[in-house]
Protein backbone atom coordinates (compact mmCIF):
# COMPACT_ATOMS: atom_id res chain seq x y z
CA MET A 1 0.00 0.00 0.00
CA GLY A 2 1.48 3.32 -1.05
CA VAL A 3 1.15 6.87 0.28
CA LYS A 4 -1.88 7.56 -1.92
CA ASP A 5 -3.71 4.45 -0.68
CA ARG A 6 -2.92 5.25 2.96
CA LEU A 7 -4.12 8.83 2.50
CA LYS A 8 -7.38 7.56 0.96
CA ARG A 9 -7.76 5.19 3.91
CA PHE A 10 -7.28 8.09 6.33
CA ILE A 11 -9.87 10.19 4.47
CA ALA A 12 -12.35 7.31 4.62
CA GLU A 13 -11.61 6.85 8.33
CA MET A 14 -12.39 10.56 8.83
CA LYS A 15 -15.70 9.92 7.02
CA MET A 16 -15.18 12.69 4.51
CA SER A 17 -15.00 12.89 0.74
CA GLN A 18 -11.72 13.34 -1.10
CA GLY A 19 -13.02 16.64 -2.44
CA LYS A 20 -13.72 17.93 1.06
CA PHE A 21 -10.27 16.77 2.21
CA GLU A 22 -8.60 18.49 -0.77
CA ARG A 23 -10.49 21.74 -0.11
CA ALA A 24 -9.62 21.63 3.60
CA CYS A 25 -5.92 21.34 2.73
CA GLY A 26 -6.06 23.90 -0.08
CA PHE A 27 -5.28 21.35 -2.81
CA ALA A 28 -6.60 21.28 -6.34
CA ASN A 29 -9.54 19.04 -7.10
CA GLY A 30 -8.24 15.54 -7.89
CA TYR A 31 -4.90 16.03 -6.07
CA VAL A 32 -5.22 12.80 -4.06
CA ASN A 33 -5.91 10.68 -7.14
CA ASN A 34 -2.91 12.21 -8.92
CA ILE A 35 -0.35 11.35 -6.22
CA ARG A 36 2.36 9.23 -7.91
CA ARG A 37 5.06 8.37 -5.37
CA SER A 38 4.99 10.62 -2.36
CA ILE A 39 3.81 13.96 -1.07
CA SER A 40 5.94 17.11 -1.20
CA PRO A 41 6.90 18.76 2.13
CA ASP A 42 4.65 21.78 1.54
CA LYS A 43 1.64 19.53 0.85
CA MET A 44 2.51 17.43 3.90
CA GLN A 45 2.65 20.61 5.99
CA SER A 46 -0.88 21.52 4.83
CA ILE A 47 -2.18 18.05 5.69
CA ILE A 48 -0.67 18.11 9.18
CA GLU A 49 -1.94 21.63 9.84
CA GLN A 50 -5.48 20.53 8.99
CA PHE A 51 -5.25 16.99 10.43
CA PRO A 52 -2.68 16.99 13.25
CA MET A 53 -3.91 13.64 14.50
CA LEU A 54 -2.56 11.88 11.36
CA SER A 55 0.69 9.99 11.96
CA ILE A 56 3.27 11.05 9.37
CA ASP A 57 5.25 7.83 9.97
CA TRP A 58 2.21 5.80 9.09
CA LEU A 59 1.36 7.94 6.05
CA LEU A 60 4.88 7.83 4.58
CA THR A 61 5.99 4.32 5.55
CA GLY A 62 2.89 2.39 6.63
CA GLN A 63 4.55 1.68 9.98
CA GLY A 64 2.83 2.33 13.27
CA ASP A 65 -0.70 3.58 13.86
CA MET A 66 -2.72 5.84 11.56
CA PHE A 67 -3.42 8.29 14.38
CA ARG A 68 -0.88 9.97 16.61
CA SER A 69 -1.22 9.28 20.32
CA GLU A 70 -2.64 12.01 22.55
CA ASN A 71 0.74 12.88 24.07
CA ASN A 72 2.30 13.02 20.60
CA LEU A 73 -0.07 15.65 19.19
CA PRO A 74 1.23 19.17 18.65
CA GLU A 75 -0.25 21.75 21.00
CA GLU A 76 -0.76 24.26 18.21
CA LYS A 77 -1.16 23.84 14.50
CA ASN A 78 2.12 25.71 13.91
CA ASP A 79 3.99 23.31 16.21
CA VAL A 80 4.58 20.85 13.33
CA ASP A 81 8.28 20.07 12.88
CA VAL A 82 9.20 20.58 9.22
CA ASN A 83 12.59 19.00 9.93
CA PHE A 84 10.78 15.73 10.61
CA PHE A 85 9.49 15.73 7.04
CA GLN A 86 12.89 16.63 5.66
CA LYS A 87 14.44 13.77 7.64
CA LYS A 88 11.91 11.31 6.19
CA ILE A 89 12.49 12.67 2.69
CA ASP A 90 16.27 12.38 3.17
CA GLU A 91 15.90 8.77 4.36
CA LEU A 92 13.80 7.90 1.32
CA GLN A 93 16.24 9.74 -0.98
CA SER A 94 19.12 7.79 0.56
CA LYS A 95 17.32 4.49 -0.06
CA TYR A 96 16.57 5.59 -3.62
CA ASP A 97 20.20 6.59 -4.20
CA ASP A 98 21.40 3.22 -2.88
CA LEU A 99 18.98 1.30 -5.11
CA ASN A 100 19.90 3.48 -8.08
CA ALA A 101 23.62 2.85 -7.50
CA ARG A 102 23.01 -0.91 -7.33
CA TYR A 103 20.93 -0.72 -10.51
CA MET A 104 23.66 1.21 -12.32
CA ALA A 105 26.29 -1.32 -11.17
CA ALA A 106 24.13 -4.13 -12.52
CA CYS A 107 23.78 -2.25 -15.83
CA ASP A 108 27.57 -1.85 -15.97
CA GLU A 109 27.98 -5.60 -15.41
CA VAL A 110 25.56 -6.36 -18.22
CA PHE A 111 27.38 -3.89 -20.48
CA GLU A 112 30.79 -5.42 -19.66
CA SER A 113 29.38 -8.89 -20.23
CA GLY A 114 28.11 -7.74 -23.62
CA LYS A 115 31.56 -6.33 -24.46
CA MET A 116 33.16 -9.66 -23.54
CA ASN A 117 30.63 -11.49 -25.71
CA ARG A 118 31.40 -9.15 -28.63
CA ASP A 119 35.13 -9.74 -28.14
CA LEU A 120 34.60 -13.51 -28.11
CA LEU A 121 32.49 -13.30 -31.28
CA ARG A 122 35.17 -11.19 -32.96
CA MET A 123 37.83 -13.76 -32.00
CA LEU A 124 35.66 -16.62 -33.29
CA ASN A 125 35.10 -14.78 -36.57
CA GLU A 126 38.85 -14.18 -36.91
CA GLU A 127 39.49 -17.87 -36.21
CA ARG A 128 36.89 -18.91 -38.80
CA THR A 129 38.38 -16.53 -41.36
CA ALA A 130 41.88 -17.89 -40.68
CA ARG A 131 40.59 -21.48 -41.01
CA GLN A 132 38.80 -20.66 -44.26
CA THR A 133 41.95 -19.00 -45.61
CA ALA A 134 44.04 -22.04 -44.64
CA GLU A 135 41.51 -24.40 -46.25
CA SER A 136 41.48 -22.28 -49.40
CA ARG A 137 45.28 -22.28 -49.58
CA LEU A 138 45.36 -26.04 -48.99
CA SER A 139 42.84 -26.52 -51.78
CA GLU A 140 44.92 -24.31 -54.08
CA PHE A 141 48.04 -26.28 -53.16
CA LYS A 142 46.32 -29.61 -53.85
CA HIS A 143 45.05 -28.29 -57.18
CA SER A 144 48.50 -26.98 -58.04
CA THR A 145 50.11 -30.30 -57.07
CA ALA A 146 47.59 -32.25 -59.17
CA THR A 147 48.28 -29.93 -62.11
CA GLN A 148 52.00 -30.46 -61.69
CA LYS A 149 51.54 -34.25 -61.60
CA LYS A 150 49.52 -34.17 -64.79
CA TYR A 151 52.19 -32.05 -66.45
CA VAL A 152 54.92 -34.47 -65.39
CA GLU A 153 52.88 -37.42 -66.63
CA ARG A 154 52.29 -35.80 -70.00
CA THR A 155 55.83 -34.76 -70.52
CA THR A 156 57.51 -37.90 -69.23
CA GLY A 157 54.86 -40.46 -69.87
CA LYS A 158 55.22 -41.72 -66.33
CA HIS A 159 52.94 -41.54 -63.35
CA SER A 160 54.65 -39.58 -60.63
CA ASP A 161 53.11 -41.60 -57.81
CA THR A 162 53.93 -45.09 -59.21
CA PRO A 163 57.35 -46.65 -59.77
CA SER A 164 58.55 -46.37 -63.31
CA MET A 165 57.20 -49.20 -65.48
CA SER A 166 57.13 -49.95 -69.11
CA ALA A 167 53.95 -49.73 -71.11
CA ALA A 168 53.89 -53.54 -71.31
CA ASP A 169 54.05 -53.80 -67.52
CA ASN A 170 51.08 -51.43 -67.28
CA LEU A 171 48.96 -53.78 -69.42
CA ARG A 172 49.38 -56.77 -67.15
């Protein structure tokens, strides 16, 4: 359950409409439904000024009770500690920064892994090219050797791979 859902739960617990809550805090119509992640400190200040019984810990984190205890309520509306909100925001920012750093490190690992894969593919392609070149040269050599054998046979009348024999011996 996020901040928006907890705020809606508080409004329902107060038995009031969202519109009435928004007007009481000086917010635009539809503000509650448009909350994305959290509430800015100035908006939080307005909420606490109008509803001092609401526990900020509960609203921001979901921990503890929805309502502040009697001895924890401010004596005046202006007694709200803005530093408390800043501390909570700083804690959340710190958690976000830590998660973001871990995410970026994971992205770097994936990137490095991709670079290693590209290097391996490049090496495999070079190896394949070298093998193809060697096979091509071997084929050319075999062709050249066969051509040379044929030339020797034509000019000498002898097969280069068989011992020299007379034509009569070849017929037997």
